[in-house]
Amino acid sequence: MEEKIDVLNELGEFTGKVATRDECHQKGLWHRAVYAFIIDKKGNVLLQKRSANKKM
């Protein structure tokens, strides 16, 4: 089962439509994403190694 994602307009407003992640990326549809950065007191940044099979 593929994840369904809310499609947004250029202002970040919900359009009422949903699409799969692949559809969003293939068609250039706007959607939300989250990024987190973990930095310790010494300024070291935790990096996550992604799978070599990950599309994007």
Protein backbone atom coordinates (compact mmCIF):
# COMPACT_ATOMS: atom_id res chain seq x y z
CA MET A 1 0.00 0.00 0.00
CA GLU A 2 1.47 3.33 -1.06
CA GLU A 3 1.45 6.34 1.23
CA LYS A 4 -1.07 9.04 0.27
CA ILE A 5 0.05 12.65 0.65
CA ASP A 6 -1.99 15.86 0.76
CA VAL A 7 -1.39 17.99 -2.33
CA LEU A 8 -0.83 21.70 -1.70
CA ASN A 9 -0.92 24.81 -3.87
CA GLU A 10 2.04 27.18 -4.24
CA LEU A 11 0.98 29.03 -1.07
CA GLY A 12 1.11 25.83 1.00
CA GLU A 13 -2.67 25.57 1.23
CA PHE A 14 -4.48 22.23 1.03
CA THR A 15 -6.15 21.60 -2.33
CA GLY A 16 -8.38 18.76 -1.10
CA LYS A 17 -6.53 16.34 -3.38
CA VAL A 18 -4.24 13.47 -2.39
CA ALA A 19 -1.58 11.68 -4.41
CA THR A 20 1.12 9.09 -3.86
CA ARG A 21 4.69 10.22 -3.19
CA ASP A 22 5.66 8.96 -6.67
CA GLU A 23 2.85 10.95 -8.31
CA CYS A 24 3.88 14.10 -6.44
CA HIS A 25 7.48 13.75 -7.58
CA GLN A 26 6.66 12.75 -11.17
CA LYS A 27 4.14 15.57 -11.66
CA GLY A 28 5.94 18.19 -9.57
CA LEU A 29 3.04 18.51 -7.13
CA TRP A 30 3.56 20.54 -3.96
CA HIS A 31 3.54 18.61 -0.68
CA ARG A 32 4.89 18.94 2.83
CA ALA A 33 8.16 17.45 4.03
CA VAL A 34 9.95 17.47 7.36
CA TYR A 35 13.68 17.76 8.01
CA ALA A 36 15.40 17.54 11.37
CA PHE A 37 18.97 18.47 12.24
CA ILE A 38 20.65 17.16 15.37
CA ILE A 39 23.68 19.18 16.44
CA ASP A 40 25.57 18.60 19.69
CA LYS A 41 27.31 21.19 21.88
CA LYS A 42 30.56 20.73 19.93
CA GLY A 43 28.87 21.53 16.61
CA ASN A 44 28.85 17.93 15.36
CA VAL A 45 25.94 17.11 13.09
CA LEU A 46 24.28 13.69 13.08
CA LEU A 47 23.94 12.41 9.51
CA GLN A 48 21.68 9.58 8.38
CA LYS A 49 23.01 7.31 5.67
CA ARG A 50 20.25 6.61 3.16
CA SER A 51 19.70 3.41 1.28
CA ALA A 52 21.44 3.13 -2.10
CA ASN A 53 18.02 2.03 -3.45
CA LYS A 54 16.24 5.23 -2.39
CA LYS A 55 14.86 7.07 -5.44
CA MET A 56 15.27 10.59 -4.08
